[in-house]
Amino acid sequence: MQRLIIQLERLGDLVQTTPLLQELHAAHPNDQIDVLALRETQVVVEGLAGVRAVYTLPHDQVSVLNAEIASDCLQHGKEACRSNDALRDLALPRYDHVINLTHAELGCYIANNVGADRREGGLITADREWLWHGDWHVY
């Protein structure tokens, strides 16, 4: 199984994500776990047992895209063009399971738009609904 864990919040939030990553690896040692994190915090999860790849976005870009999604997409119904570009540039593979631990707009947008069979956490749908699925908050 291929899993993506999205954590685009601050350093402390990524540190608090490491027990989830360790538990997932212990429970499913053959799964491939990827992490999407801020470039400035990626060192926390690089080399962690069970983490296959760490994808990153710079904090400045995440802040701009969060604001764009909040104003253009959620309030005015426009498509998040630069967010689509960022998602395309990440070139994420298709996943069996995505867990979004991010509370902000971009993480929720990516969680809904990356190819996946199962999603947990915050999602921003094509209808601009902000939904929360699963036990994401337990981490």
C-alpha atoms as a PDB file:
ATOM      1  CA  MET A   1       0.000   0.000   0.000  1.00  0.00           C
ATOM      2  CA  GLN A   2       1.198   3.495  -0.800  1.00  0.00           C
ATOM      3  CA  ARG A   3       0.356   6.228   1.702  1.00  0.00           C
ATOM      4  CA  LEU A   4       0.834   9.986   1.678  1.00  0.00           C
ATOM      5  CA  ILE A   5       0.930  11.941   4.926  1.00  0.00           C
ATOM      6  CA  ILE A   6       0.407  15.682   4.421  1.00  0.00           C
ATOM      7  CA  GLN A   7       1.785  17.971   7.141  1.00  0.00           C
ATOM      8  CA  LEU A   8       2.254  21.515   5.872  1.00  0.00           C
ATOM      9  CA  GLU A   9       2.157  23.202   9.264  1.00  0.00           C
ATOM     10  CA  ARG A  10       4.950  24.367  11.564  1.00  0.00           C
ATOM     11  CA  LEU A  11       7.981  22.439  12.780  1.00  0.00           C
ATOM     12  CA  GLY A  12       6.303  21.322  16.009  1.00  0.00           C
ATOM     13  CA  ASP A  13       3.371  19.882  14.071  1.00  0.00           C
ATOM     14  CA  LEU A  14       5.730  17.801  11.938  1.00  0.00           C
ATOM     15  CA  VAL A  15       7.551  16.620  15.060  1.00  0.00           C
ATOM     16  CA  GLN A  16       4.182  15.555  16.499  1.00  0.00           C
ATOM     17  CA  THR A  17       3.515  13.629  13.283  1.00  0.00           C
ATOM     18  CA  THR A  18       6.529  11.342  13.760  1.00  0.00           C
ATOM     19  CA  PRO A  19       4.731   8.931  16.158  1.00  0.00           C
ATOM     20  CA  LEU A  20       2.058   8.401  13.502  1.00  0.00           C
ATOM     21  CA  LEU A  21       4.736   7.658  10.907  1.00  0.00           C
ATOM     22  CA  GLN A  22       6.479   5.246  13.275  1.00  0.00           C
ATOM     23  CA  GLU A  23       3.216   3.479  14.189  1.00  0.00           C
ATOM     24  CA  LEU A  24       2.185   3.151  10.541  1.00  0.00           C
ATOM     25  CA  HIS A  25       5.561   1.672   9.694  1.00  0.00           C
ATOM     26  CA  ALA A  26       5.451  -0.730  12.655  1.00  0.00           C
ATOM     27  CA  ALA A  27       1.915  -1.881  11.810  1.00  0.00           C
ATOM     28  CA  HIS A  28       2.491  -2.040   8.032  1.00  0.00           C
ATOM     29  CA  PRO A  29       6.236  -2.527   7.422  1.00  0.00           C
ATOM     30  CA  ASN A  30       5.786  -3.243   3.715  1.00  0.00           C
ATOM     31  CA  ASP A  31       3.783  -0.085   3.011  1.00  0.00           C
ATOM     32  CA  GLN A  32       5.427   2.804   1.231  1.00  0.00           C
ATOM     33  CA  ILE A  33       4.967   6.032   3.163  1.00  0.00           C
ATOM     34  CA  ASP A  34       5.592   9.428   1.609  1.00  0.00           C
ATOM     35  CA  VAL A  35       5.393  12.755   3.427  1.00  0.00           C
ATOM     36  CA  LEU A  36       4.522  16.188   2.085  1.00  0.00           C
ATOM     37  CA  ALA A  37       6.023  18.840   4.378  1.00  0.00           C
ATOM     38  CA  LEU A  38       7.427  22.335   4.402  1.00  0.00           C
ATOM     39  CA  ARG A  39      10.888  22.455   2.857  1.00  0.00           C
ATOM     40  CA  GLU A  40      12.197  24.229   5.960  1.00  0.00           C
ATOM     41  CA  THR A  41      11.116  21.345   8.238  1.00  0.00           C
ATOM     42  CA  GLN A  42      11.803  18.274   6.115  1.00  0.00           C
ATOM     43  CA  VAL A  43      14.884  17.293   8.104  1.00  0.00           C
ATOM     44  CA  VAL A  44      12.558  16.020  10.854  1.00  0.00           C
ATOM     45  CA  VAL A  45      11.318  13.117   8.738  1.00  0.00           C
ATOM     46  CA  GLU A  46      14.222  12.489   6.363  1.00  0.00           C
ATOM     47  CA  GLY A  47      15.718   9.112   7.100  1.00  0.00           C
ATOM     48  CA  LEU A  48      12.881   8.115   9.454  1.00  0.00           C
ATOM     49  CA  ALA A  49      12.234   4.374   9.254  1.00  0.00           C
ATOM     50  CA  GLY A  50       9.441   3.613   6.827  1.00  0.00           C
ATOM     51  CA  VAL A  51       9.473   6.984   5.051  1.00  0.00           C
ATOM     52  CA  ARG A  52      10.190   6.369   1.390  1.00  0.00           C
ATOM     53  CA  ALA A  53      10.123   9.950   0.098  1.00  0.00           C
ATOM     54  CA  VAL A  54       9.701  13.474   1.406  1.00  0.00           C
ATOM     55  CA  TYR A  55       8.065  15.965  -0.945  1.00  0.00           C
ATOM     56  CA  THR A  56       8.358  19.614  -0.004  1.00  0.00           C
ATOM     57  CA  LEU A  57       7.023  23.065  -0.654  1.00  0.00           C
ATOM     58  CA  PRO A  58       8.623  26.261   0.671  1.00  0.00           C
ATOM     59  CA  HIS A  59       6.792  28.043   3.491  1.00  0.00           C
ATOM     60  CA  ASP A  60       6.442  31.257   1.461  1.00  0.00           C
ATOM     61  CA  GLN A  61       4.697  29.428  -1.375  1.00  0.00           C
ATOM     62  CA  VAL A  62       2.384  27.583   1.015  1.00  0.00           C
ATOM     63  CA  SER A  63       1.377  30.866   2.670  1.00  0.00           C
ATOM     64  CA  VAL A  64       0.581  32.486  -0.677  1.00  0.00           C
ATOM     65  CA  LEU A  65      -1.400  29.479  -1.889  1.00  0.00           C
ATOM     66  CA  ASN A  66      -3.348  29.215   1.390  1.00  0.00           C
ATOM     67  CA  ALA A  67      -4.430  32.832   0.957  1.00  0.00           C
ATOM     68  CA  GLU A  68      -5.269  32.312  -2.716  1.00  0.00           C
ATOM     69  CA  ILE A  69      -7.440  29.298  -1.975  1.00  0.00           C
ATOM     70  CA  ALA A  70      -9.174  31.098   0.903  1.00  0.00           C
ATOM     71  CA  SER A  71     -10.019  34.191  -1.126  1.00  0.00           C
ATOM     72  CA  ASP A  72     -10.315  33.087  -4.742  1.00  0.00           C
ATOM     73  CA  CYS A  73     -11.627  29.548  -4.417  1.00  0.00           C
ATOM     74  CA  LEU A  74     -13.649  29.443  -1.249  1.00  0.00           C
ATOM     75  CA  GLN A  75     -15.073  32.966  -1.362  1.00  0.00           C
ATOM     76  CA  HIS A  76     -15.308  33.674  -5.074  1.00  0.00           C
ATOM     77  CA  GLY A  77     -15.578  30.224  -6.648  1.00  0.00           C
ATOM     78  CA  LYS A  78     -12.512  30.607  -8.848  1.00  0.00           C
ATOM     79  CA  GLU A  79     -10.200  27.739  -9.690  1.00  0.00           C
ATOM     80  CA  ALA A  80      -6.933  27.634  -7.728  1.00  0.00           C
ATOM     81  CA  CYS A  81      -4.619  27.880 -10.740  1.00  0.00           C
ATOM     82  CA  ARG A  82      -1.356  28.301  -8.862  1.00  0.00           C
ATOM     83  CA  SER A  83      -2.369  25.521  -6.473  1.00  0.00           C
ATOM     84  CA  ASN A  84      -2.947  23.260  -9.475  1.00  0.00           C
ATOM     85  CA  ASP A  85       0.484  24.233 -10.766  1.00  0.00           C
ATOM     86  CA  ALA A  86       2.097  23.449  -7.401  1.00  0.00           C
ATOM     87  CA  LEU A  87       0.361  20.062  -7.259  1.00  0.00           C
ATOM     88  CA  ARG A  88       1.458  19.246 -10.814  1.00  0.00           C
ATOM     89  CA  ASP A  89       5.044  20.326 -10.061  1.00  0.00           C
ATOM     90  CA  LEU A  90       5.163  18.006  -7.044  1.00  0.00           C
ATOM     91  CA  ALA A  91       4.510  15.078  -9.418  1.00  0.00           C
ATOM     92  CA  LEU A  92       3.050  12.960  -6.637  1.00  0.00           C
ATOM     93  CA  PRO A  93       2.226   9.379  -7.585  1.00  0.00           C
ATOM     94  CA  ARG A  94      -1.207   7.854  -7.048  1.00  0.00           C
ATOM     95  CA  TYR A  95      -1.799   6.674  -3.482  1.00  0.00           C
ATOM     96  CA  ASP A  96      -3.953   4.058  -1.843  1.00  0.00           C
ATOM     97  CA  HIS A  97      -4.388   6.226   1.251  1.00  0.00           C
ATOM     98  CA  VAL A  98      -3.892   9.934   1.936  1.00  0.00           C
ATOM     99  CA  ILE A  99      -3.934  11.331   5.463  1.00  0.00           C
ATOM    100  CA  ASN A 100      -4.003  15.117   5.642  1.00  0.00           C
ATOM    101  CA  LEU A 101      -2.928  16.440   9.038  1.00  0.00           C
ATOM    102  CA  THR A 102      -2.855  20.024   7.818  1.00  0.00           C
ATOM    103  CA  HIS A 103      -5.558  22.418   8.949  1.00  0.00           C
ATOM    104  CA  ALA A 104      -4.895  25.075   6.315  1.00  0.00           C
ATOM    105  CA  GLU A 105      -6.267  25.420   2.817  1.00  0.00           C
ATOM    106  CA  LEU A 106      -3.456  24.059   0.631  1.00  0.00           C
ATOM    107  CA  GLY A 107      -3.132  20.765   2.487  1.00  0.00           C
ATOM    108  CA  CYS A 108      -6.900  20.268   2.232  1.00  0.00           C
ATOM    109  CA  TYR A 109      -6.842  21.189  -1.446  1.00  0.00           C
ATOM    110  CA  ILE A 110      -4.007  18.770  -2.215  1.00  0.00           C
ATOM    111  CA  ALA A 111      -5.604  15.966  -0.185  1.00  0.00           C
ATOM    112  CA  ASN A 112      -8.714  16.184  -2.337  1.00  0.00           C
ATOM    113  CA  ASN A 113      -6.894  16.556  -5.662  1.00  0.00           C
ATOM    114  CA  VAL A 114      -4.046  14.048  -5.473  1.00  0.00           C
ATOM    115  CA  GLY A 115      -4.919  10.656  -6.910  1.00  0.00           C
ATOM    116  CA  ALA A 116      -6.033   8.414  -4.043  1.00  0.00           C
ATOM    117  CA  ASP A 117      -8.458   5.617  -3.246  1.00  0.00           C
ATOM    118  CA  ARG A 118      -9.022   6.624   0.392  1.00  0.00           C
ATOM    119  CA  ARG A 119      -8.676  10.021   2.076  1.00  0.00           C
ATOM    120  CA  GLU A 120      -8.683  11.136   5.692  1.00  0.00           C
ATOM    121  CA  GLY A 121      -8.401  14.571   7.207  1.00  0.00           C
ATOM    122  CA  GLY A 122      -9.381  17.905   5.789  1.00  0.00           C
ATOM    123  CA  LEU A 123     -10.495  18.141   2.175  1.00  0.00           C
ATOM    124  CA  ILE A 124     -11.639  21.031   0.032  1.00  0.00           C
ATOM    125  CA  THR A 125     -13.918  19.565  -2.608  1.00  0.00           C
ATOM    126  CA  ALA A 126     -14.533  20.746  -6.158  1.00  0.00           C
ATOM    127  CA  ASP A 127     -17.787  22.245  -4.815  1.00  0.00           C
ATOM    128  CA  ARG A 128     -15.691  24.366  -2.409  1.00  0.00           C
ATOM    129  CA  GLU A 129     -16.884  22.421   0.624  1.00  0.00           C
ATOM    130  CA  TRP A 130     -14.412  22.015   3.467  1.00  0.00           C
ATOM    131  CA  LEU A 131     -14.897  18.496   4.849  1.00  0.00           C
ATOM    132  CA  TRP A 132     -13.147  16.385   7.491  1.00  0.00           C
ATOM    133  CA  HIS A 133     -13.007  12.594   7.153  1.00  0.00           C
ATOM    134  CA  GLY A 134     -11.757   9.830   9.419  1.00  0.00           C
ATOM    135  CA  ASP A 135      -9.687   9.861  12.566  1.00  0.00           C
ATOM    136  CA  TRP A 136      -7.060  12.342  11.349  1.00  0.00           C
ATOM    137  CA  HIS A 137      -7.241  14.345  14.572  1.00  0.00           C
ATOM    138  CA  VAL A 138      -6.064  11.440  16.725  1.00  0.00           C
ATOM    139  CA  TYR A 139      -2.437  11.893  15.723  1.00  0.00           C
END
